[in-house]
Amino acid sequence: MKYTLMGRNIEVSDTIKEAIESKLDRLSKYFTPETEARATVGTDGDLQKIEVTIPTKLGFIRAEDAGYDLYSSIDNVAEIIEKQIKKYKNKLIDKKQSAIAFSQNFIDEDYPEEDEDGLKIVKTKSFALKPMDAEEACLQMEMLGHNFFVFLNMDTNQVNVVYKRKGNSYGLIEPEI
């Protein structure tokens, strides 16, 4: 695997770099040597945070962890990604074209199905989209007590989503069609 390491509000020292690469190396058995893993290390107040993203043909495999000890967070992220890979193996390599990022050993290896029905939709909800701006959508979301809200953006006339982020800030998702 190839690694891209970045720091936010922190300098990625050689010690941190070696720790990240050695922990993520245990994931290399699942991927081809050309697969890139992007790790971002940062601080959030007193907490040390690490995010790891691995792009595949089907999308991204991503995990993050924050704690007072960066090295235990690195361990946790590697463990989370390994569990995700094993749990969703059949869905990740369902089509041969999407298996390009994964090693042949991983494709051939049998892992027990942890939860076959893990991605089951149990409820469907329909609602009318009211045209509004993003600020009004955030207000509606807060009044409903939800952490996301789908609305018709009156400025772009497209369906958008606002969501609550950590630290009492908000995000806006605008799809590109």
N, C-alpha and C. Protein backbone atom coordinates (compact mmCIF):
# COMPACT_ATOMS: atom_id res chain seq x y z
N MET A 1 0.83 -1.18 0.00
CA MET A 1 0.00 0.00 0.00
C MET A 1 0.88 1.24 0.00
N LYS A 2 0.31 2.29 -0.56
CA LYS A 2 0.98 3.58 -0.54
C LYS A 2 0.29 4.45 0.51
N TYR A 3 1.06 5.31 1.16
CA TYR A 3 0.51 6.12 2.22
C TYR A 3 0.70 7.60 1.93
N THR A 4 -0.34 8.38 2.19
CA THR A 4 -0.28 9.83 2.15
C THR A 4 -0.66 10.32 3.53
N LEU A 5 0.25 11.01 4.19
CA LEU A 5 0.02 11.46 5.56
C LEU A 5 -0.02 12.98 5.60
N MET A 6 -1.01 13.51 6.30
CA MET A 6 -1.15 14.96 6.45
C MET A 6 -1.38 15.28 7.92
N GLY A 7 -1.00 16.48 8.29
CA GLY A 7 -1.24 16.94 9.65
C GLY A 7 -2.09 18.20 9.66
N ARG A 8 -3.02 18.26 10.59
CA ARG A 8 -3.83 19.46 10.81
C ARG A 8 -3.55 19.94 12.22
N ASN A 9 -3.01 21.12 12.32
CA ASN A 9 -2.65 21.71 13.62
C ASN A 9 -1.61 20.87 14.35
N ILE A 10 -0.91 20.03 13.61
CA ILE A 10 0.12 19.18 14.21
C ILE A 10 1.12 18.81 13.12
N GLU A 11 2.37 18.72 13.50
CA GLU A 11 3.39 18.28 12.55
C GLU A 11 3.52 16.76 12.65
N VAL A 12 3.51 16.10 11.52
CA VAL A 12 3.62 14.64 11.50
C VAL A 12 5.09 14.29 11.60
N SER A 13 5.50 13.91 12.80
CA SER A 13 6.90 13.55 13.05
C SER A 13 7.20 12.18 12.45
N ASP A 14 8.47 11.85 12.39
CA ASP A 14 8.87 10.53 11.88
C ASP A 14 8.31 9.42 12.75
N THR A 15 8.23 9.65 14.06
CA THR A 15 7.70 8.65 14.98
C THR A 15 6.22 8.38 14.70
N ILE A 16 5.46 9.46 14.50
CA ILE A 16 4.03 9.31 14.19
C ILE A 16 3.88 8.62 12.83
N LYS A 17 4.67 9.04 11.86
CA LYS A 17 4.62 8.46 10.52
C LYS A 17 4.89 6.95 10.58
N GLU A 18 5.92 6.55 11.32
CA GLU A 18 6.26 5.13 11.44
C GLU A 18 5.14 4.35 12.13
N ALA A 19 4.54 4.95 13.16
CA ALA A 19 3.46 4.27 13.88
C ALA A 19 2.25 4.05 12.96
N ILE A 20 1.90 5.08 12.19
CA ILE A 20 0.75 4.95 11.28
C ILE A 20 1.03 3.90 10.22
N GLU A 21 2.20 3.98 9.60
CA GLU A 21 2.52 3.02 8.53
C GLU A 21 2.61 1.60 9.06
N SER A 22 3.17 1.40 10.24
CA SER A 22 3.28 0.03 10.77
C SER A 22 1.92 -0.55 11.12
N LYS A 23 1.01 0.27 11.65
CA LYS A 23 -0.34 -0.23 11.98
C LYS A 23 -1.17 -0.46 10.72
N LEU A 24 -1.04 0.44 9.74
CA LEU A 24 -1.80 0.26 8.51
C LEU A 24 -1.22 -0.83 7.62
N ASP A 25 0.04 -1.20 7.85
CA ASP A 25 0.65 -2.29 7.08
C ASP A 25 -0.09 -3.60 7.27
N ARG A 26 -0.73 -3.77 8.41
CA ARG A 26 -1.49 -5.01 8.61
C ARG A 26 -2.69 -5.08 7.67
N LEU A 27 -3.09 -3.94 7.11
CA LEU A 27 -4.20 -3.92 6.15
C LEU A 27 -3.73 -4.21 4.73
N SER A 28 -2.42 -4.16 4.49
CA SER A 28 -1.90 -4.32 3.13
C SER A 28 -2.21 -5.70 2.55
N LYS A 29 -2.47 -6.69 3.40
CA LYS A 29 -2.80 -8.02 2.89
C LYS A 29 -4.15 -8.03 2.17
N TYR A 30 -4.98 -7.02 2.40
CA TYR A 30 -6.28 -6.94 1.77
C TYR A 30 -6.27 -6.17 0.45
N PHE A 31 -5.22 -5.40 0.21
CA PHE A 31 -5.20 -4.50 -0.94
C PHE A 31 -4.01 -4.78 -1.85
N THR A 32 -4.11 -4.24 -3.07
CA THR A 32 -2.99 -4.33 -4.00
C THR A 32 -1.93 -3.30 -3.58
N PRO A 33 -0.70 -3.47 -4.03
CA PRO A 33 0.36 -2.51 -3.66
C PRO A 33 0.10 -1.09 -4.16
N GLU A 34 -0.73 -0.93 -5.19
CA GLU A 34 -1.01 0.40 -5.74
C GLU A 34 -2.07 1.17 -4.96
N THR A 35 -2.78 0.48 -4.06
CA THR A 35 -3.85 1.13 -3.31
C THR A 35 -3.27 2.19 -2.38
N GLU A 36 -3.93 3.35 -2.35
CA GLU A 36 -3.46 4.46 -1.54
C GLU A 36 -4.32 4.60 -0.29
N ALA A 37 -3.67 4.75 0.85
CA ALA A 37 -4.36 5.03 2.11
C ALA A 37 -3.98 6.45 2.52
N ARG A 38 -5.00 7.27 2.76
CA ARG A 38 -4.76 8.66 3.17
C ARG A 38 -5.05 8.79 4.65
N ALA A 39 -4.08 9.26 5.41
CA ALA A 39 -4.25 9.44 6.85
C ALA A 39 -4.07 10.92 7.18
N THR A 40 -4.99 11.44 7.98
CA THR A 40 -4.90 12.82 8.44
C THR A 40 -4.89 12.80 9.96
N VAL A 41 -3.86 13.41 10.52
CA VAL A 41 -3.70 13.49 11.96
C VAL A 41 -3.91 14.93 12.38
N GLY A 42 -4.63 15.13 13.47
CA GLY A 42 -4.85 16.50 13.92
C GLY A 42 -5.19 16.55 15.39
N THR A 43 -5.36 17.77 15.86
CA THR A 43 -5.77 17.97 17.25
C THR A 43 -7.11 18.66 17.26
N ASP A 44 -7.90 18.32 18.25
CA ASP A 44 -9.20 18.95 18.45
C ASP A 44 -9.29 19.23 19.94
N GLY A 45 -8.81 20.39 20.34
CA GLY A 45 -8.71 20.70 21.76
C GLY A 45 -7.61 19.85 22.37
N ASP A 46 -7.95 19.09 23.40
CA ASP A 46 -6.98 18.19 24.04
C ASP A 46 -6.89 16.84 23.34
N LEU A 47 -7.82 16.57 22.43
CA LEU A 47 -7.89 15.26 21.79
C LEU A 47 -6.97 15.19 20.57
N GLN A 48 -6.38 14.03 20.38
CA GLN A 48 -5.59 13.71 19.19
C GLN A 48 -6.50 12.91 18.27
N LYS A 49 -6.58 13.29 17.00
CA LYS A 49 -7.54 12.67 16.09
C LYS A 49 -6.81 12.12 14.87
N ILE A 50 -7.27 10.96 14.39
CA ILE A 50 -6.75 10.39 13.15
C ILE A 50 -7.92 9.95 12.29
N GLU A 51 -7.85 10.26 11.00
CA GLU A 51 -8.82 9.81 10.01
C GLU A 51 -8.05 9.07 8.92
N VAL A 52 -8.55 7.91 8.52
CA VAL A 52 -7.94 7.14 7.44
C VAL A 52 -9.00 6.88 6.39
N THR A 53 -8.65 7.17 5.13
CA THR A 53 -9.56 6.95 4.01
C THR A 53 -8.83 6.13 2.96
N ILE A 54 -9.50 5.09 2.49
CA ILE A 54 -8.95 4.24 1.42
C ILE A 54 -9.96 4.22 0.28
N PRO A 55 -9.63 4.86 -0.85
CA PRO A 55 -10.56 4.85 -1.97
C PRO A 55 -10.57 3.50 -2.69
N THR A 56 -11.77 3.05 -3.06
CA THR A 56 -11.93 1.84 -3.88
C THR A 56 -12.85 2.19 -5.03
N LYS A 57 -13.05 1.27 -5.95
CA LYS A 57 -13.94 1.51 -7.09
C LYS A 57 -15.39 1.75 -6.65
N LEU A 58 -15.80 1.12 -5.54
CA LEU A 58 -17.17 1.26 -5.07
C LEU A 58 -17.39 2.49 -4.20
N GLY A 59 -16.33 3.10 -3.73
CA GLY A 59 -16.46 4.24 -2.84
C GLY A 59 -15.26 4.29 -1.92
N PHE A 60 -15.50 4.69 -0.68
CA PHE A 60 -14.41 4.86 0.27
C PHE A 60 -14.60 3.96 1.47
N ILE A 61 -13.48 3.47 1.98
CA ILE A 61 -13.46 2.81 3.27
C ILE A 61 -12.83 3.84 4.20
N ARG A 62 -13.54 4.19 5.27
CA ARG A 62 -13.09 5.30 6.10
C ARG A 62 -13.32 5.01 7.57
N ALA A 63 -12.39 5.45 8.39
CA ALA A 63 -12.55 5.34 9.84
C ALA A 63 -11.85 6.52 10.50
N GLU A 64 -12.36 6.90 11.65
CA GLU A 64 -11.71 7.95 12.42
C GLU A 64 -11.81 7.61 13.90
N ASP A 65 -10.87 8.14 14.66
CA ASP A 65 -10.88 7.94 16.10
C ASP A 65 -10.19 9.13 16.74
N ALA A 66 -10.63 9.49 17.91
CA ALA A 66 -10.03 10.59 18.66
C ALA A 66 -9.88 10.17 20.11
N GLY A 67 -8.79 10.59 20.71
CA GLY A 67 -8.57 10.28 22.11
C GLY A 67 -7.39 11.08 22.63
N TYR A 68 -7.04 10.84 23.87
CA TYR A 68 -5.92 11.57 24.47
C TYR A 68 -4.58 10.97 24.07
N ASP A 69 -4.61 9.72 23.57
CA ASP A 69 -3.38 9.05 23.13
C ASP A 69 -3.49 8.75 21.64
N LEU A 70 -2.68 9.42 20.85
CA LEU A 70 -2.74 9.26 19.39
C LEU A 70 -2.43 7.83 18.98
N TYR A 71 -1.50 7.18 19.65
CA TYR A 71 -1.09 5.84 19.25
C TYR A 71 -2.20 4.81 19.46
N SER A 72 -2.99 4.96 20.51
CA SER A 72 -4.12 4.04 20.68
C SER A 72 -5.21 4.35 19.65
N SER A 73 -5.35 5.62 19.27
CA SER A 73 -6.31 5.98 18.21
C SER A 73 -5.89 5.37 16.88
N ILE A 74 -4.59 5.32 16.61
CA ILE A 74 -4.09 4.70 15.39
C ILE A 74 -4.44 3.21 15.39
N ASP A 75 -4.24 2.55 16.52
CA ASP A 75 -4.62 1.13 16.66
C ASP A 75 -6.10 0.94 16.39
N ASN A 76 -6.92 1.80 17.00
CA ASN A 76 -8.37 1.68 16.85
C ASN A 76 -8.82 1.84 15.40
N VAL A 77 -8.24 2.81 14.69
CA VAL A 77 -8.62 3.05 13.30
C VAL A 77 -8.27 1.84 12.43
N ALA A 78 -7.09 1.28 12.62
CA ALA A 78 -6.69 0.11 11.84
C ALA A 78 -7.64 -1.06 12.11
N GLU A 79 -8.04 -1.22 13.37
CA GLU A 79 -8.97 -2.29 13.74
C GLU A 79 -10.35 -2.07 13.14
N ILE A 80 -10.83 -0.83 13.15
CA ILE A 80 -12.15 -0.50 12.59
C ILE A 80 -12.17 -0.81 11.10
N ILE A 81 -11.13 -0.40 10.38
CA ILE A 81 -11.08 -0.64 8.94
C ILE A 81 -11.03 -2.14 8.65
N GLU A 82 -10.23 -2.87 9.41
CA GLU A 82 -10.14 -4.32 9.19
C GLU A 82 -11.49 -4.99 9.41
N LYS A 83 -12.22 -4.58 10.43
CA LYS A 83 -13.56 -5.14 10.67
C LYS A 83 -14.51 -4.80 9.54
N GLN A 84 -14.45 -3.56 9.04
CA GLN A 84 -15.31 -3.16 7.93
C GLN A 84 -15.02 -4.01 6.70
N ILE A 85 -13.77 -4.21 6.40
CA ILE A 85 -13.37 -4.98 5.21
C ILE A 85 -13.89 -6.41 5.32
N LYS A 86 -13.69 -7.03 6.46
CA LYS A 86 -14.13 -8.40 6.63
C LYS A 86 -15.65 -8.52 6.62
N LYS A 87 -16.32 -7.57 7.27
CA LYS A 87 -17.78 -7.64 7.37
C LYS A 87 -18.45 -7.47 6.01
N TYR A 88 -17.94 -6.57 5.20
CA TYR A 88 -18.59 -6.26 3.94
C TYR A 88 -17.85 -6.83 2.73
N LYS A 89 -17.04 -7.87 2.96
CA LYS A 89 -16.23 -8.44 1.88
C LYS A 89 -17.06 -8.76 0.64
N ASN A 90 -18.15 -9.47 0.81
CA ASN A 90 -18.94 -9.90 -0.35
C ASN A 90 -19.53 -8.71 -1.10
N LYS A 91 -19.86 -7.66 -0.40
CA LYS A 91 -20.40 -6.48 -1.07
C LYS A 91 -19.30 -5.67 -1.75
N LEU A 92 -18.10 -5.66 -1.14
CA LEU A 92 -16.98 -4.89 -1.70
C LEU A 92 -16.45 -5.50 -2.99
N ILE A 93 -16.43 -6.83 -3.07
CA ILE A 93 -15.86 -7.48 -4.26
C ILE A 93 -16.91 -8.22 -5.05
N ASP A 94 -18.15 -7.77 -4.94
CA ASP A 94 -19.26 -8.41 -5.63
C ASP A 94 -19.05 -8.45 -7.13
N LYS A 95 -18.56 -7.38 -7.70
CA LYS A 95 -18.31 -7.32 -9.13
C LYS A 95 -16.81 -7.31 -9.35
N LYS A 96 -16.36 -8.02 -10.35
CA LYS A 96 -14.93 -8.14 -10.61
C LYS A 96 -14.28 -6.77 -10.82
N GLN A 97 -15.00 -5.84 -11.47
CA GLN A 97 -14.41 -4.53 -11.73
C GLN A 97 -14.19 -3.75 -10.44
N SER A 98 -14.99 -3.98 -9.41
CA SER A 98 -14.81 -3.25 -8.17
C SER A 98 -13.76 -3.91 -7.28
N ALA A 99 -13.28 -5.08 -7.67
CA ALA A 99 -12.29 -5.79 -6.87
C ALA A 99 -10.86 -5.37 -7.20
N ILE A 100 -10.69 -4.42 -8.10
CA ILE A 100 -9.37 -4.02 -8.55
C ILE A 100 -8.46 -3.60 -7.40
N ALA A 101 -8.98 -2.89 -6.41
CA ALA A 101 -8.15 -2.39 -5.31
C ALA A 101 -7.75 -3.48 -4.33
N PHE A 102 -8.42 -4.65 -4.37
CA PHE A 102 -8.18 -5.68 -3.39
C PHE A 102 -7.23 -6.75 -3.90
N SER A 103 -6.43 -7.31 -2.98
CA SER A 103 -5.47 -8.34 -3.35
C SER A 103 -6.21 -9.65 -3.65
N GLN A 104 -5.58 -10.49 -4.46
CA GLN A 104 -6.17 -11.78 -4.82
C GLN A 104 -6.32 -12.66 -3.59
N ASN A 105 -5.37 -12.57 -2.65
CA ASN A 105 -5.46 -13.37 -1.41
C ASN A 105 -6.71 -13.01 -0.62
N PHE A 106 -7.03 -11.73 -0.55
CA PHE A 106 -8.23 -11.30 0.16
C PHE A 106 -9.48 -11.78 -0.56
N ILE A 107 -9.50 -11.69 -1.88
CA ILE A 107 -10.65 -12.13 -2.65
C ILE A 107 -10.89 -13.62 -2.47
N ASP A 108 -9.81 -14.41 -2.44
CA ASP A 108 -9.92 -15.86 -2.32
C ASP A 108 -10.20 -16.33 -0.89
N GLU A 109 -9.81 -15.53 0.11
CA GLU A 109 -9.96 -15.91 1.52
C GLU A 109 -11.43 -15.93 1.92
N ASP A 110 -11.80 -16.90 2.74
CA ASP A 110 -13.17 -16.99 3.25
C ASP A 110 -13.23 -16.36 4.63
N TYR A 111 -14.09 -15.40 4.80
CA TYR A 111 -14.32 -14.78 6.10
C TYR A 111 -15.76 -15.09 6.50
N PRO A 112 -15.98 -15.39 7.77
CA PRO A 112 -17.36 -15.70 8.18
C PRO A 112 -18.24 -14.47 8.05
N GLU A 113 -19.46 -14.70 7.59
CA GLU A 113 -20.44 -13.62 7.48
C GLU A 113 -20.86 -13.23 8.88
N GLU A 114 -20.59 -11.99 9.27
CA GLU A 114 -20.95 -11.56 10.62
C GLU A 114 -22.44 -11.25 10.72
N ASP A 115 -22.95 -10.55 9.71
CA ASP A 115 -24.36 -10.15 9.76
C ASP A 115 -24.85 -9.99 8.33
N GLU A 116 -25.40 -11.04 7.78
CA GLU A 116 -25.84 -11.04 6.39
C GLU A 116 -26.84 -9.94 6.11
N ASP A 117 -27.70 -9.66 7.09
CA ASP A 117 -28.73 -8.64 6.90
C ASP A 117 -28.32 -7.30 7.49
N GLY A 118 -27.03 -7.02 7.56
CA GLY A 118 -26.53 -5.81 8.20
C GLY A 118 -26.96 -4.52 7.53
N LEU A 119 -27.31 -4.54 6.26
CA LEU A 119 -27.67 -3.33 5.54
C LEU A 119 -29.14 -3.34 5.14
N LYS A 120 -29.98 -3.79 6.03
CA LYS A 120 -31.40 -3.92 5.73
C LYS A 120 -32.12 -2.61 6.04
N ILE A 121 -32.88 -2.12 5.09
CA ILE A 121 -33.70 -0.93 5.31
C ILE A 121 -34.98 -1.38 6.00
N VAL A 122 -35.24 -0.81 7.18
CA VAL A 122 -36.38 -1.24 7.97
C VAL A 122 -37.51 -0.23 7.99
N LYS A 123 -37.26 0.97 7.48
CA LYS A 123 -38.31 1.99 7.47
C LYS A 123 -38.11 2.91 6.28
N THR A 124 -39.20 3.27 5.65
CA THR A 124 -39.17 4.22 4.55
C THR A 124 -40.09 5.37 4.91
N LYS A 125 -39.61 6.58 4.63
CA LYS A 125 -40.40 7.75 4.98
C LYS A 125 -40.48 8.66 3.77
N SER A 126 -41.66 9.20 3.51
CA SER A 126 -41.85 10.14 2.42
C SER A 126 -42.31 11.48 3.00
N PHE A 127 -41.87 12.55 2.37
CA PHE A 127 -42.28 13.87 2.83
C PHE A 127 -42.17 14.86 1.68
N ALA A 128 -42.89 15.94 1.78
CA ALA A 128 -42.86 17.00 0.76
C ALA A 128 -41.66 17.89 1.01
N LEU A 129 -40.98 18.27 -0.06
CA LEU A 129 -39.83 19.16 0.05
C LEU A 129 -40.29 20.60 -0.07
N LYS A 130 -40.02 21.38 0.94
CA LYS A 130 -40.40 22.78 0.96
C LYS A 130 -39.19 23.61 0.54
N PRO A 131 -39.36 24.52 -0.43
CA PRO A 131 -38.24 25.39 -0.81
C PRO A 131 -37.84 26.30 0.36
N MET A 132 -36.55 26.32 0.67
CA MET A 132 -36.03 27.17 1.73
C MET A 132 -34.54 27.35 1.54
N ASP A 133 -33.94 28.27 2.28
CA ASP A 133 -32.49 28.42 2.21
C ASP A 133 -31.85 27.54 3.28
N ALA A 134 -30.53 27.41 3.24
CA ALA A 134 -29.81 26.51 4.13
C ALA A 134 -29.98 26.91 5.60
N GLU A 135 -30.02 28.20 5.88
CA GLU A 135 -30.16 28.66 7.25
C GLU A 135 -31.52 28.24 7.84
N GLU A 136 -32.57 28.39 7.04
CA GLU A 136 -33.90 27.98 7.49
C GLU A 136 -33.95 26.46 7.69
N ALA A 137 -33.25 25.71 6.82
CA ALA A 137 -33.20 24.25 6.96
C ALA A 137 -32.51 23.86 8.27
N CYS A 138 -31.45 24.57 8.63
CA CYS A 138 -30.77 24.29 9.91
C CYS A 138 -31.70 24.55 11.08
N LEU A 139 -32.46 25.63 10.99
CA LEU A 139 -33.42 25.95 12.04
C LEU A 139 -34.49 24.85 12.16
N GLN A 140 -35.02 24.40 11.02
CA GLN A 140 -36.00 23.32 11.02
C GLN A 140 -35.42 22.05 11.64
N MET A 141 -34.17 21.74 11.28
CA MET A 141 -33.50 20.55 11.81
C MET A 141 -33.40 20.65 13.33
N GLU A 142 -32.99 21.79 13.83
CA GLU A 142 -32.86 21.98 15.27
C GLU A 142 -34.21 21.85 15.97
N MET A 143 -35.25 22.43 15.37
CA MET A 143 -36.58 22.38 15.98
C MET A 143 -37.11 20.95 16.03
N LEU A 144 -36.73 20.13 15.04
CA LEU A 144 -37.17 18.73 15.02
C LEU A 144 -36.31 17.84 15.91
N GLY A 145 -35.13 18.34 16.29
CA GLY A 145 -34.23 17.54 17.11
C GLY A 145 -33.48 16.49 16.32
N HIS A 146 -33.36 16.67 15.03
CA HIS A 146 -32.64 15.72 14.18
C HIS A 146 -31.19 16.18 13.99
N ASN A 147 -30.37 15.29 13.42
CA ASN A 147 -28.99 15.69 13.12
C ASN A 147 -28.76 15.85 11.62
N PHE A 148 -29.81 15.74 10.81
CA PHE A 148 -29.75 16.09 9.39
C PHE A 148 -31.14 16.50 8.93
N PHE A 149 -31.20 17.20 7.79
CA PHE A 149 -32.48 17.66 7.27
C PHE A 149 -32.38 17.79 5.76
N VAL A 150 -33.33 17.18 5.04
CA VAL A 150 -33.37 17.22 3.58
C VAL A 150 -34.33 18.32 3.16
N PHE A 151 -33.91 19.16 2.19
CA PHE A 151 -34.76 20.27 1.77
C PHE A 151 -34.49 20.64 0.31
N LEU A 152 -35.38 21.40 -0.27
CA LEU A 152 -35.22 21.92 -1.62
C LEU A 152 -34.61 23.31 -1.50
N ASN A 153 -33.38 23.45 -1.98
CA ASN A 153 -32.68 24.72 -1.87
C ASN A 153 -33.31 25.73 -2.83
N MET A 154 -33.86 26.82 -2.28
CA MET A 154 -34.57 27.79 -3.11
C MET A 154 -33.62 28.58 -4.01
N ASP A 155 -32.33 28.59 -3.69
CA ASP A 155 -31.36 29.31 -4.52
C ASP A 155 -30.94 28.49 -5.74
N THR A 156 -30.80 27.17 -5.57
CA THR A 156 -30.32 26.32 -6.67
C THR A 156 -31.42 25.44 -7.25
N ASN A 157 -32.54 25.34 -6.55
CA ASN A 157 -33.65 24.49 -6.95
C ASN A 157 -33.24 23.01 -7.01
N GLN A 158 -32.33 22.62 -6.12
CA GLN A 158 -31.89 21.23 -6.02
C GLN A 158 -32.12 20.72 -4.60
N VAL A 159 -32.21 19.40 -4.48
CA VAL A 159 -32.34 18.79 -3.16
C VAL A 159 -30.99 18.85 -2.47
N ASN A 160 -30.95 19.37 -1.25
CA ASN A 160 -29.74 19.49 -0.44
C ASN A 160 -29.99 18.86 0.92
N VAL A 161 -28.90 18.65 1.64
CA VAL A 161 -28.98 18.12 3.00
C VAL A 161 -28.12 19.00 3.90
N VAL A 162 -28.66 19.44 5.01
CA VAL A 162 -27.85 20.07 6.05
C VAL A 162 -27.69 19.04 7.16
N TYR A 163 -26.56 19.08 7.84
CA TYR A 163 -26.32 18.14 8.91
C TYR A 163 -25.51 18.80 10.02
N LYS A 164 -25.65 18.26 11.21
CA LYS A 164 -24.97 18.78 12.38
C LYS A 164 -23.60 18.12 12.48
N ARG A 165 -22.59 18.94 12.66
CA ARG A 165 -21.22 18.46 12.80
C ARG A 165 -20.80 18.54 14.26
N LYS A 166 -19.69 17.91 14.58
CA LYS A 166 -19.15 18.02 15.93
C LYS A 166 -18.75 19.47 16.17
N GLY A 167 -18.90 19.92 17.38
CA GLY A 167 -18.53 21.28 17.71
C GLY A 167 -19.62 22.29 17.42
N ASN A 168 -20.87 21.82 17.33
CA ASN A 168 -22.02 22.69 17.10
C ASN A 168 -21.91 23.54 15.83
N SER A 169 -21.37 22.95 14.79
CA SER A 169 -21.37 23.63 13.49
C SER A 169 -22.22 22.79 12.54
N TYR A 170 -22.44 23.31 11.34
CA TYR A 170 -23.33 22.65 10.38
C TYR A 170 -22.60 22.43 9.06
N GLY A 171 -23.05 21.40 8.34
CA GLY A 171 -22.54 21.12 7.01
C GLY A 171 -23.67 21.13 6.01
N LEU A 172 -23.35 21.37 4.76
CA LEU A 172 -24.33 21.40 3.68
C LEU A 172 -23.85 20.47 2.58
N ILE A 173 -24.69 19.55 2.16
CA ILE A 173 -24.37 18.64 1.06
C ILE A 173 -25.16 19.09 -0.16
N GLU A 174 -24.43 19.44 -1.23
CA GLU A 174 -25.04 19.83 -2.48
C GLU A 174 -24.62 18.82 -3.54
N PRO A 175 -25.54 17.99 -4.02
CA PRO A 175 -25.17 16.98 -5.01
C PRO A 175 -24.79 17.59 -6.36
N GLU A 176 -23.84 16.95 -7.03
CA GLU A 176 -23.48 17.34 -8.39
C GLU A 176 -24.14 16.35 -9.34
N ILE A 177 -24.94 16.86 -10.23
CA ILE A 177 -25.66 15.97 -11.15
C ILE A 177 -25.14 16.19 -12.55
